[in-house]
Amino acid sequence: MTERLDYLDDIDQEIMQSYFSLSEAVAGLLGEFCEVVIHSLNAYENSIIKIINGHHTNRKVGSPITDKGLQLLKSYQKDKSSSKQVYFSRLNNGNLIKSTTHIIIGHKGVPIGLFCINLNLSTPLDKTVSSFMANDPIPLYHKSENFITQPKELIEETFYKAITEIEQHTAKNSKLYKKSIIFYLFENGIFELKDAVPIVAEKLSLTSHAIYKHLREFKNNI
């Protein structure tokens, strides 16, 4: 789709492109009853440059902007805080949809696109529910993401997860044991948190200097 963005400078092209992957993520999260659309504002007559689950509105890449999209842009021009971003409407077949539209602002402060999510609320309940179900059973205590309130809690949660993982294949008395734990934490980005080094050093009975030495080694090997 990059040819449709040639009217933008390099920075604004990157901004628009970032919404392409976001659209895939949102559609993947919400499921088939969710339509996601990206409009480019260089040509309203064929503004859609990305659409997922377009069967809900029978639109495709190259379809025009909607009247609601034009209204939102006009409202934004008059008052940047007044745009009504969540609204209900009906499709041609009578289906009720709930929509939200985010105006994509370029680095110069002007609108360059629209990011729209449309939920078809008339989708049969069984199809809607199935969109939120895992394909495979999830163990009761399985956590792939830690929702925490304090950085220290995240550091400690990940530290204990590292121990569980490393001890499956490395003995505690192995010379590689502590280094493996540090590497696990490094790979999972924990040392991006400013308090991670002293906390991990204390738990492993190492100095912060020793932790930093390992981190430099890991970074040099990337």
N, C-alpha and C. Protein backbone atom coordinates (compact mmCIF):
# COMPACT_ATOMS: atom_id res chain seq x y z
N MET A 1 0.81 -1.21 0.00
CA MET A 1 0.00 0.00 0.00
C MET A 1 0.85 1.27 0.00
N THR A 2 2.15 1.14 0.01
CA THR A 2 2.99 2.32 0.18
C THR A 2 2.82 3.33 -0.94
N GLU A 3 2.43 2.86 -2.14
CA GLU A 3 2.27 3.80 -3.24
C GLU A 3 1.15 4.79 -2.96
N ARG A 4 0.18 4.40 -2.10
CA ARG A 4 -0.92 5.29 -1.75
C ARG A 4 -0.48 6.32 -0.72
N LEU A 5 0.71 6.21 -0.20
CA LEU A 5 1.19 7.12 0.83
C LEU A 5 2.28 8.05 0.31
N ASP A 6 2.52 8.03 -0.99
CA ASP A 6 3.62 8.82 -1.56
C ASP A 6 3.44 10.32 -1.37
N TYR A 7 2.20 10.75 -1.12
CA TYR A 7 1.96 12.18 -0.94
C TYR A 7 2.46 12.66 0.42
N LEU A 8 2.75 11.71 1.33
CA LEU A 8 3.24 12.05 2.66
C LEU A 8 4.75 12.07 2.70
N ASP A 9 5.33 12.84 3.64
CA ASP A 9 6.78 12.78 3.81
C ASP A 9 7.12 11.49 4.57
N ASP A 10 8.40 11.22 4.72
CA ASP A 10 8.84 9.94 5.28
C ASP A 10 8.31 9.70 6.70
N ILE A 11 8.29 10.76 7.51
CA ILE A 11 7.84 10.59 8.89
C ILE A 11 6.36 10.24 8.94
N ASP A 12 5.55 10.95 8.16
CA ASP A 12 4.11 10.68 8.16
C ASP A 12 3.80 9.32 7.52
N GLN A 13 4.61 8.90 6.57
CA GLN A 13 4.43 7.54 6.02
C GLN A 13 4.64 6.50 7.10
N GLU A 14 5.65 6.70 7.94
CA GLU A 14 5.90 5.76 9.04
C GLU A 14 4.74 5.75 10.03
N ILE A 15 4.17 6.93 10.29
CA ILE A 15 3.03 7.02 11.21
C ILE A 15 1.86 6.22 10.65
N MET A 16 1.56 6.42 9.38
CA MET A 16 0.45 5.70 8.75
C MET A 16 0.71 4.20 8.72
N GLN A 17 1.93 3.82 8.39
CA GLN A 17 2.26 2.40 8.31
C GLN A 17 2.11 1.72 9.67
N SER A 18 2.37 2.45 10.75
CA SER A 18 2.26 1.85 12.09
C SER A 18 0.83 1.41 12.37
N TYR A 19 -0.15 2.06 11.75
CA TYR A 19 -1.54 1.69 11.96
C TYR A 19 -1.92 0.42 11.20
N PHE A 20 -1.13 0.04 10.20
CA PHE A 20 -1.41 -1.20 9.48
C PHE A 20 -1.29 -2.39 10.41
N SER A 21 -0.18 -2.46 11.15
CA SER A 21 0.00 -3.58 12.08
C SER A 21 -0.99 -3.49 13.24
N LEU A 22 -1.33 -2.26 13.67
CA LEU A 22 -2.32 -2.09 14.72
C LEU A 22 -3.68 -2.62 14.28
N SER A 23 -4.03 -2.39 13.02
CA SER A 23 -5.32 -2.87 12.52
C SER A 23 -5.40 -4.39 12.57
N GLU A 24 -4.30 -5.06 12.22
CA GLU A 24 -4.27 -6.52 12.28
C GLU A 24 -4.41 -7.00 13.73
N ALA A 25 -3.76 -6.30 14.64
CA ALA A 25 -3.81 -6.69 16.06
C ALA A 25 -5.23 -6.53 16.61
N VAL A 26 -5.88 -5.41 16.30
CA VAL A 26 -7.24 -5.16 16.81
C VAL A 26 -8.22 -6.18 16.24
N ALA A 27 -8.13 -6.43 14.93
CA ALA A 27 -9.02 -7.40 14.30
C ALA A 27 -8.79 -8.80 14.86
N GLY A 28 -7.52 -9.13 15.10
CA GLY A 28 -7.21 -10.44 15.66
C GLY A 28 -7.74 -10.59 17.08
N LEU A 29 -7.72 -9.51 17.84
CA LEU A 29 -8.20 -9.53 19.22
C LEU A 29 -9.72 -9.66 19.28
N LEU A 30 -10.42 -8.86 18.49
CA LEU A 30 -11.88 -8.79 18.60
C LEU A 30 -12.60 -9.83 17.76
N GLY A 31 -11.99 -10.28 16.67
CA GLY A 31 -12.59 -11.36 15.90
C GLY A 31 -13.34 -10.91 14.66
N GLU A 32 -14.04 -11.85 14.06
CA GLU A 32 -14.64 -11.66 12.75
C GLU A 32 -15.76 -10.63 12.73
N PHE A 33 -16.38 -10.38 13.89
CA PHE A 33 -17.47 -9.41 13.90
C PHE A 33 -16.97 -7.96 13.93
N CYS A 34 -15.64 -7.79 13.90
CA CYS A 34 -15.03 -6.46 13.97
C CYS A 34 -14.43 -6.10 12.61
N GLU A 35 -14.87 -4.97 12.07
CA GLU A 35 -14.28 -4.43 10.84
C GLU A 35 -13.32 -3.31 11.23
N VAL A 36 -12.12 -3.34 10.68
CA VAL A 36 -11.13 -2.30 10.93
C VAL A 36 -10.75 -1.65 9.61
N VAL A 37 -10.73 -0.33 9.59
CA VAL A 37 -10.52 0.41 8.34
C VAL A 37 -9.50 1.53 8.56
N ILE A 38 -8.62 1.70 7.59
CA ILE A 38 -7.70 2.84 7.58
C ILE A 38 -7.98 3.66 6.34
N HIS A 39 -8.23 4.95 6.54
CA HIS A 39 -8.45 5.88 5.43
C HIS A 39 -7.23 6.78 5.28
N SER A 40 -6.84 7.02 4.06
CA SER A 40 -5.84 8.04 3.74
C SER A 40 -6.59 9.28 3.27
N LEU A 41 -6.13 10.45 3.68
CA LEU A 41 -6.90 11.67 3.41
C LEU A 41 -6.43 12.43 2.17
N ASN A 42 -5.64 11.79 1.32
CA ASN A 42 -5.21 12.51 0.12
C ASN A 42 -6.27 12.48 -0.97
N ALA A 43 -7.19 11.51 -0.92
CA ALA A 43 -8.24 11.41 -1.93
C ALA A 43 -9.48 10.80 -1.28
N TYR A 44 -10.45 11.63 -0.93
CA TYR A 44 -11.63 11.13 -0.24
C TYR A 44 -12.44 10.13 -1.09
N GLU A 45 -12.32 10.27 -2.42
CA GLU A 45 -13.12 9.42 -3.30
C GLU A 45 -12.71 7.94 -3.24
N ASN A 46 -11.48 7.66 -2.89
CA ASN A 46 -10.99 6.28 -2.75
C ASN A 46 -10.03 6.19 -1.57
N SER A 47 -10.53 6.62 -0.42
CA SER A 47 -9.67 6.85 0.75
C SER A 47 -9.22 5.57 1.46
N ILE A 48 -9.97 4.47 1.35
CA ILE A 48 -9.62 3.27 2.11
C ILE A 48 -8.35 2.62 1.55
N ILE A 49 -7.34 2.52 2.40
CA ILE A 49 -6.09 1.88 1.98
C ILE A 49 -5.85 0.56 2.71
N LYS A 50 -6.67 0.29 3.73
CA LYS A 50 -6.57 -0.98 4.46
C LYS A 50 -7.93 -1.28 5.07
N ILE A 51 -8.41 -2.52 4.89
CA ILE A 51 -9.67 -2.91 5.50
C ILE A 51 -9.62 -4.38 5.83
N ILE A 52 -10.10 -4.72 7.02
CA ILE A 52 -10.16 -6.11 7.48
C ILE A 52 -11.62 -6.42 7.80
N ASN A 53 -12.11 -7.56 7.36
CA ASN A 53 -13.51 -7.96 7.53
C ASN A 53 -14.45 -6.95 6.89
N GLY A 54 -14.11 -6.56 5.69
CA GLY A 54 -14.92 -5.58 4.96
C GLY A 54 -16.27 -6.10 4.52
N HIS A 55 -16.53 -7.40 4.73
CA HIS A 55 -17.83 -7.96 4.31
C HIS A 55 -18.99 -7.38 5.11
N HIS A 56 -18.71 -6.80 6.26
CA HIS A 56 -19.79 -6.22 7.05
C HIS A 56 -20.39 -5.00 6.35
N THR A 57 -19.56 -4.21 5.71
CA THR A 57 -20.06 -3.00 5.03
C THR A 57 -19.94 -3.10 3.51
N ASN A 58 -19.48 -4.26 3.03
CA ASN A 58 -19.29 -4.48 1.59
C ASN A 58 -18.32 -3.48 0.97
N ARG A 59 -17.32 -3.04 1.76
CA ARG A 59 -16.31 -2.12 1.24
C ARG A 59 -15.00 -2.86 1.02
N LYS A 60 -14.13 -2.21 0.28
CA LYS A 60 -12.81 -2.78 -0.02
C LYS A 60 -11.81 -1.65 -0.18
N VAL A 61 -10.54 -2.00 -0.36
CA VAL A 61 -9.52 -0.99 -0.63
C VAL A 61 -9.92 -0.20 -1.87
N GLY A 62 -9.89 1.12 -1.75
CA GLY A 62 -10.31 1.98 -2.85
C GLY A 62 -11.70 2.55 -2.68
N SER A 63 -12.45 2.07 -1.67
CA SER A 63 -13.77 2.63 -1.39
C SER A 63 -13.62 4.02 -0.78
N PRO A 64 -14.68 4.85 -0.88
CA PRO A 64 -14.56 6.25 -0.42
C PRO A 64 -14.76 6.41 1.08
N ILE A 65 -14.46 7.60 1.54
CA ILE A 65 -14.70 7.98 2.92
C ILE A 65 -16.20 8.06 3.16
N THR A 66 -16.64 7.95 4.43
CA THR A 66 -18.06 8.05 4.74
C THR A 66 -18.43 9.49 5.10
N ASP A 67 -19.74 9.75 5.11
CA ASP A 67 -20.20 11.07 5.53
C ASP A 67 -19.82 11.35 6.98
N LYS A 68 -19.86 10.30 7.82
CA LYS A 68 -19.48 10.48 9.21
C LYS A 68 -18.01 10.86 9.33
N GLY A 69 -17.17 10.24 8.50
CA GLY A 69 -15.76 10.58 8.51
C GLY A 69 -15.54 12.04 8.16
N LEU A 70 -16.26 12.52 7.16
CA LEU A 70 -16.14 13.92 6.77
C LEU A 70 -16.62 14.84 7.88
N GLN A 71 -17.72 14.45 8.55
CA GLN A 71 -18.24 15.26 9.66
C GLN A 71 -17.23 15.36 10.80
N LEU A 72 -16.59 14.22 11.12
CA LEU A 72 -15.61 14.22 12.19
C LEU A 72 -14.42 15.11 11.86
N LEU A 73 -13.99 15.08 10.61
CA LEU A 73 -12.88 15.94 10.20
C LEU A 73 -13.26 17.42 10.28
N LYS A 74 -14.48 17.75 9.87
CA LYS A 74 -14.94 19.13 9.96
C LYS A 74 -15.00 19.60 11.42
N SER A 75 -15.52 18.71 12.28
CA SER A 75 -15.60 19.04 13.70
C SER A 75 -14.22 19.26 14.29
N TYR A 76 -13.26 18.44 13.87
CA TYR A 76 -11.90 18.55 14.36
C TYR A 76 -11.29 19.89 13.94
N GLN A 77 -11.57 20.31 12.72
CA GLN A 77 -11.04 21.59 12.23
C GLN A 77 -11.55 22.76 13.07
N LYS A 78 -12.80 22.65 13.53
CA LYS A 78 -13.40 23.73 14.32
C LYS A 78 -12.96 23.69 15.78
N ASP A 79 -12.89 22.48 16.31
CA ASP A 79 -12.56 22.31 17.73
C ASP A 79 -11.90 20.95 17.91
N LYS A 80 -10.63 20.96 18.17
CA LYS A 80 -9.86 19.71 18.23
C LYS A 80 -10.28 18.80 19.39
N SER A 81 -11.13 19.30 20.30
CA SER A 81 -11.56 18.47 21.42
C SER A 81 -13.03 18.08 21.34
N SER A 82 -13.71 18.44 20.25
CA SER A 82 -15.16 18.27 20.22
C SER A 82 -15.62 17.04 19.45
N SER A 83 -14.73 16.34 18.75
CA SER A 83 -15.14 15.24 17.90
C SER A 83 -15.74 14.10 18.72
N LYS A 84 -16.93 13.66 18.31
CA LYS A 84 -17.57 12.51 18.94
C LYS A 84 -16.98 11.25 18.33
N GLN A 85 -16.19 10.53 19.09
CA GLN A 85 -15.42 9.44 18.52
C GLN A 85 -16.08 8.08 18.63
N VAL A 86 -17.12 7.92 19.47
CA VAL A 86 -17.83 6.65 19.59
C VAL A 86 -19.30 6.90 19.26
N TYR A 87 -19.86 6.08 18.38
CA TYR A 87 -21.22 6.33 17.92
C TYR A 87 -21.85 5.05 17.40
N PHE A 88 -23.18 5.03 17.33
CA PHE A 88 -23.93 3.90 16.81
C PHE A 88 -24.55 4.28 15.47
N SER A 89 -24.71 3.30 14.60
CA SER A 89 -25.41 3.51 13.33
C SER A 89 -25.90 2.16 12.83
N ARG A 90 -26.58 2.17 11.70
CA ARG A 90 -27.07 0.92 11.13
C ARG A 90 -26.56 0.76 9.70
N LEU A 91 -26.30 -0.50 9.34
CA LEU A 91 -25.87 -0.82 7.99
C LEU A 91 -27.08 -0.85 7.08
N ASN A 92 -26.85 -0.97 5.78
CA ASN A 92 -27.94 -1.00 4.81
C ASN A 92 -28.91 -2.15 5.06
N ASN A 93 -28.40 -3.24 5.65
CA ASN A 93 -29.26 -4.39 5.92
C ASN A 93 -29.94 -4.31 7.28
N GLY A 94 -29.76 -3.19 7.99
CA GLY A 94 -30.41 -2.99 9.27
C GLY A 94 -29.57 -3.39 10.47
N ASN A 95 -28.44 -4.03 10.26
CA ASN A 95 -27.59 -4.44 11.38
C ASN A 95 -27.09 -3.23 12.17
N LEU A 96 -27.10 -3.35 13.49
CA LEU A 96 -26.63 -2.30 14.36
C LEU A 96 -25.12 -2.40 14.53
N ILE A 97 -24.43 -1.29 14.37
CA ILE A 97 -22.98 -1.29 14.58
C ILE A 97 -22.60 -0.20 15.57
N LYS A 98 -21.55 -0.48 16.33
CA LYS A 98 -20.96 0.51 17.22
C LYS A 98 -19.57 0.82 16.68
N SER A 99 -19.28 2.09 16.52
CA SER A 99 -18.06 2.49 15.84
C SER A 99 -17.25 3.48 16.66
N THR A 100 -15.97 3.48 16.40
CA THR A 100 -15.09 4.53 16.92
C THR A 100 -14.13 4.93 15.81
N THR A 101 -13.86 6.20 15.72
CA THR A 101 -12.96 6.72 14.70
C THR A 101 -11.88 7.57 15.35
N HIS A 102 -10.65 7.22 15.08
CA HIS A 102 -9.50 7.98 15.58
C HIS A 102 -8.88 8.74 14.42
N ILE A 103 -8.73 10.04 14.57
CA ILE A 103 -8.09 10.85 13.54
C ILE A 103 -6.58 10.73 13.69
N ILE A 104 -5.92 10.27 12.64
CA ILE A 104 -4.47 10.10 12.67
C ILE A 104 -3.82 11.45 12.36
N ILE A 105 -3.03 11.93 13.29
CA ILE A 105 -2.40 13.24 13.13
C ILE A 105 -0.94 13.06 12.73
N GLY A 106 -0.52 13.77 11.69
CA GLY A 106 0.86 13.72 11.23
C GLY A 106 1.78 14.52 12.13
N HIS A 107 3.06 14.46 11.87
CA HIS A 107 4.02 15.12 12.75
C HIS A 107 3.97 16.64 12.65
N LYS A 108 3.28 17.16 11.64
CA LYS A 108 3.11 18.61 11.52
C LYS A 108 1.82 19.09 12.18
N GLY A 109 1.09 18.14 12.80
CA GLY A 109 -0.10 18.52 13.54
C GLY A 109 -1.38 18.57 12.75
N VAL A 110 -1.38 18.04 11.53
CA VAL A 110 -2.59 18.04 10.71
C VAL A 110 -3.05 16.61 10.46
N PRO A 111 -4.37 16.39 10.26
CA PRO A 111 -4.87 15.04 10.01
C PRO A 111 -4.32 14.46 8.71
N ILE A 112 -3.90 13.20 8.76
CA ILE A 112 -3.40 12.52 7.56
C ILE A 112 -4.18 11.24 7.28
N GLY A 113 -5.02 10.82 8.23
CA GLY A 113 -5.77 9.59 8.02
C GLY A 113 -6.81 9.37 9.10
N LEU A 114 -7.59 8.31 8.94
CA LEU A 114 -8.58 7.90 9.93
C LEU A 114 -8.37 6.42 10.24
N PHE A 115 -8.47 6.09 11.51
CA PHE A 115 -8.40 4.68 11.94
C PHE A 115 -9.75 4.36 12.55
N CYS A 116 -10.49 3.43 11.94
CA CYS A 116 -11.87 3.18 12.32
C CYS A 116 -12.09 1.72 12.72
N ILE A 117 -12.86 1.53 13.78
CA ILE A 117 -13.26 0.20 14.23
C ILE A 117 -14.78 0.15 14.26
N ASN A 118 -15.35 -0.83 13.58
CA ASN A 118 -16.79 -1.01 13.53
C ASN A 118 -17.16 -2.39 14.06
N LEU A 119 -17.95 -2.44 15.12
CA LEU A 119 -18.39 -3.71 15.70
C LEU A 119 -19.81 -4.00 15.26
N ASN A 120 -20.01 -5.11 14.57
CA ASN A 120 -21.34 -5.51 14.12
C ASN A 120 -22.06 -6.17 15.29
N LEU A 121 -22.92 -5.40 15.97
CA LEU A 121 -23.61 -5.90 17.16
C LEU A 121 -24.73 -6.86 16.82
N SER A 122 -25.04 -7.01 15.53
CA SER A 122 -26.08 -7.96 15.11
C SER A 122 -25.50 -9.32 14.77
N THR A 123 -24.21 -9.49 14.95
CA THR A 123 -23.59 -10.79 14.72
C THR A 123 -24.16 -11.81 15.70
N PRO A 124 -24.51 -13.02 15.24
CA PRO A 124 -25.04 -14.04 16.15
C PRO A 124 -24.15 -14.23 17.36
N LEU A 125 -24.78 -14.41 18.52
CA LEU A 125 -24.05 -14.47 19.78
C LEU A 125 -23.00 -15.58 19.79
N ASP A 126 -23.31 -16.73 19.20
CA ASP A 126 -22.35 -17.83 19.24
C ASP A 126 -21.07 -17.49 18.49
N LYS A 127 -21.20 -16.74 17.39
CA LYS A 127 -20.02 -16.33 16.63
C LYS A 127 -19.22 -15.28 17.40
N THR A 128 -19.93 -14.38 18.08
CA THR A 128 -19.25 -13.36 18.86
C THR A 128 -18.47 -13.98 20.01
N VAL A 129 -19.12 -14.88 20.73
CA VAL A 129 -18.47 -15.54 21.87
C VAL A 129 -17.27 -16.35 21.42
N SER A 130 -17.40 -17.06 20.30
CA SER A 130 -16.30 -17.90 19.82
C SER A 130 -15.07 -17.07 19.49
N SER A 131 -15.25 -15.79 19.15
CA SER A 131 -14.12 -14.92 18.84
C SER A 131 -13.22 -14.69 20.05
N PHE A 132 -13.80 -14.85 21.24
CA PHE A 132 -13.05 -14.58 22.46
C PHE A 132 -12.57 -15.84 23.16
N MET A 133 -12.78 -16.97 22.53
CA MET A 133 -12.37 -18.24 23.13
C MET A 133 -11.03 -18.69 22.56
N ALA A 134 -10.20 -19.27 23.41
CA ALA A 134 -8.90 -19.77 22.97
C ALA A 134 -9.09 -21.05 22.17
N ASN A 135 -8.25 -21.24 21.16
CA ASN A 135 -8.33 -22.46 20.35
C ASN A 135 -7.96 -23.69 21.17
N ASP A 136 -7.03 -23.51 22.11
CA ASP A 136 -6.60 -24.61 22.97
C ASP A 136 -6.87 -24.24 24.43
N PRO A 137 -7.13 -25.22 25.27
CA PRO A 137 -7.39 -24.95 26.70
C PRO A 137 -6.21 -24.22 27.34
N ILE A 138 -6.52 -23.23 28.20
CA ILE A 138 -5.49 -22.49 28.93
C ILE A 138 -5.48 -22.96 30.38
N PRO A 139 -4.35 -23.47 30.86
CA PRO A 139 -4.28 -23.92 32.26
C PRO A 139 -4.72 -22.82 33.21
N LEU A 140 -5.33 -23.22 34.34
CA LEU A 140 -5.92 -22.27 35.27
C LEU A 140 -4.93 -21.22 35.75
N TYR A 141 -3.68 -21.63 36.03
CA TYR A 141 -2.70 -20.69 36.59
C TYR A 141 -1.70 -20.19 35.54
N HIS A 142 -2.05 -20.39 34.27
CA HIS A 142 -1.14 -19.92 33.21
C HIS A 142 -1.23 -18.40 33.10
N LYS A 143 -0.06 -17.74 33.11
CA LYS A 143 -0.01 -16.29 32.92
C LYS A 143 1.04 -15.96 31.87
N SER A 144 0.59 -15.48 30.71
CA SER A 144 1.54 -15.08 29.67
C SER A 144 1.87 -13.60 29.78
N GLU A 145 1.13 -12.89 30.65
CA GLU A 145 1.39 -11.46 30.86
C GLU A 145 1.07 -11.12 32.29
N ASN A 146 1.95 -10.35 32.92
CA ASN A 146 1.75 -9.94 34.30
C ASN A 146 1.21 -8.51 34.35
N PHE A 147 0.01 -8.35 34.91
CA PHE A 147 -0.59 -7.03 35.05
C PHE A 147 -0.31 -6.55 36.47
N ILE A 148 0.68 -5.68 36.60
CA ILE A 148 1.18 -5.29 37.91
C ILE A 148 1.01 -3.79 38.13
N THR A 149 1.18 -3.37 39.38
CA THR A 149 1.02 -1.95 39.70
C THR A 149 2.34 -1.28 40.06
N GLN A 150 3.39 -2.08 40.36
CA GLN A 150 4.67 -1.52 40.75
C GLN A 150 5.79 -2.22 39.95
N PRO A 151 6.80 -1.45 39.50
CA PRO A 151 7.91 -2.05 38.75
C PRO A 151 8.60 -3.18 39.49
N LYS A 152 8.77 -3.03 40.81
CA LYS A 152 9.45 -4.06 41.59
C LYS A 152 8.71 -5.38 41.50
N GLU A 153 7.38 -5.31 41.49
CA GLU A 153 6.57 -6.52 41.39
C GLU A 153 6.82 -7.24 40.08
N LEU A 154 6.93 -6.46 39.00
CA LEU A 154 7.20 -7.05 37.69
C LEU A 154 8.58 -7.71 37.67
N ILE A 155 9.56 -7.03 38.24
CA ILE A 155 10.93 -7.57 38.28
C ILE A 155 10.95 -8.89 39.04
N GLU A 156 10.29 -8.91 40.19
CA GLU A 156 10.31 -10.12 41.01
C GLU A 156 9.52 -11.26 40.37
N GLU A 157 8.36 -10.94 39.77
CA GLU A 157 7.56 -11.96 39.08
C GLU A 157 8.38 -12.62 37.98
N THR A 158 9.05 -11.78 37.20
CA THR A 158 9.83 -12.32 36.08
C THR A 158 11.06 -13.07 36.57
N PHE A 159 11.64 -12.61 37.67
CA PHE A 159 12.79 -13.30 38.25
C PHE A 159 12.41 -14.74 38.64
N TYR A 160 11.29 -14.90 39.32
CA TYR A 160 10.88 -16.24 39.75
C TYR A 160 10.46 -17.10 38.56
N LYS A 161 9.92 -16.45 37.52
CA LYS A 161 9.62 -17.19 36.30
C LYS A 161 10.91 -17.67 35.65
N ALA A 162 11.95 -16.84 35.71
CA ALA A 162 13.25 -17.21 35.15
C ALA A 162 13.82 -18.42 35.89
N ILE A 163 13.72 -18.42 37.21
CA ILE A 163 14.22 -19.55 38.00
C ILE A 163 13.51 -20.84 37.60
N THR A 164 12.18 -20.77 37.48
CA THR A 164 11.40 -21.95 37.10
C THR A 164 11.84 -22.47 35.74
N GLU A 165 12.07 -21.56 34.81
CA GLU A 165 12.48 -21.95 33.46
C GLU A 165 13.89 -22.52 33.45
N ILE A 166 14.83 -21.85 34.07
CA ILE A 166 16.25 -22.26 34.03
C ILE A 166 16.47 -23.57 34.76
N GLU A 167 15.77 -23.78 35.88
CA GLU A 167 15.99 -24.99 36.66
C GLU A 167 15.48 -26.25 35.98
N GLN A 168 14.77 -26.08 34.89
CA GLN A 168 14.32 -27.24 34.14
C GLN A 168 15.48 -27.91 33.39
N HIS A 169 16.54 -27.13 33.13
CA HIS A 169 17.65 -27.70 32.36
C HIS A 169 19.03 -27.33 32.89
N THR A 170 19.09 -26.58 33.98
CA THR A 170 20.39 -26.18 34.53
C THR A 170 20.39 -26.36 36.06
N ALA A 171 21.36 -27.07 36.56
CA ALA A 171 21.44 -27.32 38.00
C ALA A 171 21.85 -26.05 38.75
N LYS A 172 21.39 -25.93 40.00
CA LYS A 172 21.69 -24.74 40.79
C LYS A 172 23.19 -24.56 41.03
N ASN A 173 23.91 -25.67 41.09
CA ASN A 173 25.35 -25.57 41.36
C ASN A 173 26.17 -25.42 40.09
N SER A 174 25.49 -25.29 38.96
CA SER A 174 26.20 -25.10 37.69
C SER A 174 26.75 -23.68 37.60
N LYS A 175 27.91 -23.55 36.95
CA LYS A 175 28.52 -22.23 36.75
C LYS A 175 27.64 -21.34 35.86
N LEU A 176 26.80 -21.98 35.06
CA LEU A 176 25.96 -21.23 34.13
C LEU A 176 24.61 -20.82 34.73
N TYR A 177 24.33 -21.28 35.95
CA TYR A 177 23.01 -21.08 36.54
C TYR A 177 22.64 -19.60 36.65
N LYS A 178 23.45 -18.83 37.33
CA LYS A 178 23.13 -17.41 37.54
C LYS A 178 23.19 -16.63 36.23
N LYS A 179 24.18 -16.96 35.41
CA LYS A 179 24.30 -16.27 34.12
C LYS A 179 23.08 -16.55 33.25
N SER A 180 22.57 -17.75 33.31
CA SER A 180 21.39 -18.12 32.52
C SER A 180 20.16 -17.34 32.98
N ILE A 181 20.05 -17.15 34.29
CA ILE A 181 18.93 -16.37 34.82
C ILE A 181 19.04 -14.92 34.35
N ILE A 182 20.22 -14.37 34.42
CA ILE A 182 20.44 -12.98 33.98
C ILE A 182 20.12 -12.85 32.49
N PHE A 183 20.54 -13.85 31.71
CA PHE A 183 20.28 -13.79 30.27
C PHE A 183 18.78 -13.87 29.99
N TYR A 184 18.07 -14.71 30.72
CA TYR A 184 16.61 -14.81 30.57
C TYR A 184 15.96 -13.44 30.82
N LEU A 185 16.38 -12.79 31.90
CA LEU A 185 15.82 -11.48 32.23
C LEU A 185 16.20 -10.44 31.18
N PHE A 186 17.41 -10.54 30.67
CA PHE A 186 17.87 -9.64 29.61
C PHE A 186 17.02 -9.81 28.36
N GLU A 187 16.78 -11.07 27.98
CA GLU A 187 16.00 -11.38 26.78
C GLU A 187 14.56 -10.90 26.91
N ASN A 188 14.07 -10.85 28.14
CA ASN A 188 12.69 -10.42 28.37
C ASN A 188 12.57 -8.94 28.72
N GLY A 189 13.66 -8.19 28.55
CA GLY A 189 13.62 -6.74 28.68
C GLY A 189 13.54 -6.20 30.10
N ILE A 190 13.74 -7.05 31.10
CA ILE A 190 13.57 -6.61 32.49
C ILE A 190 14.60 -5.55 32.88
N PHE A 191 15.79 -5.61 32.30
CA PHE A 191 16.82 -4.64 32.68
C PHE A 191 16.60 -3.26 32.08
N GLU A 192 15.50 -3.10 31.32
CA GLU A 192 15.11 -1.76 30.88
C GLU A 192 14.52 -0.98 32.05
N LEU A 193 14.10 -1.68 33.11
CA LEU A 193 13.58 -1.03 34.31
C LEU A 193 14.75 -0.62 35.20
N LYS A 194 14.74 0.60 35.68
CA LYS A 194 15.93 1.17 36.32
C LYS A 194 16.32 0.46 37.62
N ASP A 195 15.36 -0.15 38.32
CA ASP A 195 15.69 -0.81 39.59
C ASP A 195 16.02 -2.28 39.43
N ALA A 196 16.03 -2.78 38.19
CA ALA A 196 16.20 -4.22 37.98
C ALA A 196 17.56 -4.71 38.41
N VAL A 197 18.63 -4.00 38.09
CA VAL A 197 19.99 -4.48 38.39
C VAL A 197 20.21 -4.70 39.88
N PRO A 198 19.96 -3.71 40.74
CA PRO A 198 20.19 -3.96 42.18
C PRO A 198 19.28 -5.04 42.76
N ILE A 199 18.05 -5.13 42.29
CA ILE A 199 17.14 -6.15 42.81
C ILE A 199 17.62 -7.55 42.43
N VAL A 200 17.99 -7.72 41.15
CA VAL A 200 18.46 -9.03 40.68
C VAL A 200 19.79 -9.38 41.33
N ALA A 201 20.67 -8.38 41.48
CA ALA A 201 21.97 -8.62 42.12
C ALA A 201 21.79 -9.14 43.54
N GLU A 202 20.85 -8.54 44.27
CA GLU A 202 20.61 -8.97 45.65
C GLU A 202 20.08 -10.39 45.70
N LYS A 203 19.15 -10.72 44.81
CA LYS A 203 18.54 -12.04 44.82
C LYS A 203 19.53 -13.13 44.41
N LEU A 204 20.51 -12.78 43.58
CA LEU A 204 21.49 -13.76 43.12
C LEU A 204 22.78 -13.70 43.94
N SER A 205 22.80 -12.83 44.96
CA SER A 205 24.00 -12.66 45.80
C SER A 205 25.21 -12.28 44.94
N LEU A 206 24.98 -11.33 44.03
CA LEU A 206 26.03 -10.81 43.16
C LEU A 206 26.12 -9.30 43.36
N THR A 207 27.17 -8.70 42.86
CA THR A 207 27.26 -7.24 42.86
C THR A 207 26.60 -6.69 41.61
N SER A 208 26.20 -5.44 41.66
CA SER A 208 25.64 -4.79 40.47
C SER A 208 26.68 -4.77 39.35
N HIS A 209 27.94 -4.62 39.73
CA HIS A 209 29.02 -4.62 38.75
C HIS A 209 29.04 -5.94 37.97
N ALA A 210 28.82 -7.05 38.66
CA ALA A 210 28.81 -8.35 37.99
C ALA A 210 27.64 -8.45 37.02
N ILE A 211 26.49 -7.91 37.41
CA ILE A 211 25.32 -7.93 36.52
C ILE A 211 25.62 -7.11 35.26
N TYR A 212 26.16 -5.91 35.45
CA TYR A 212 26.47 -5.05 34.30
C TYR A 212 27.49 -5.70 33.37
N LYS A 213 28.43 -6.44 33.94
CA LYS A 213 29.43 -7.13 33.13
C LYS A 213 28.77 -8.14 32.21
N HIS A 214 27.83 -8.91 32.75
CA HIS A 214 27.10 -9.87 31.93
C HIS A 214 26.26 -9.16 30.86
N LEU A 215 25.63 -8.07 31.25
CA LEU A 215 24.79 -7.33 30.30
C LEU A 215 25.61 -6.80 29.13
N ARG A 216 26.80 -6.29 29.41
CA ARG A 216 27.67 -5.81 28.34
C ARG A 216 28.04 -6.96 27.39
N GLU A 217 28.29 -8.11 27.96
CA GLU A 217 28.62 -9.28 27.15
C GLU A 217 27.45 -9.66 26.24
N PHE A 218 26.26 -9.68 26.81
CA PHE A 218 25.07 -10.04 26.02
C PHE A 218 24.85 -9.05 24.89
N LYS A 219 24.99 -7.77 25.20
CA LYS A 219 24.76 -6.73 24.18
C LYS A 219 25.80 -6.80 23.08
N ASN A 220 27.03 -7.13 23.42
CA ASN A 220 28.09 -7.23 22.41
C ASN A 220 27.90 -8.42 21.47
N ASN A 221 27.14 -9.41 21.93
CA ASN A 221 26.92 -10.60 21.14
C ASN A 221 25.64 -10.53 20.28
N ILE A 222 24.94 -9.42 20.39
CA ILE A 222 23.72 -9.27 19.58
C ILE A 222 24.07 -9.06 18.11
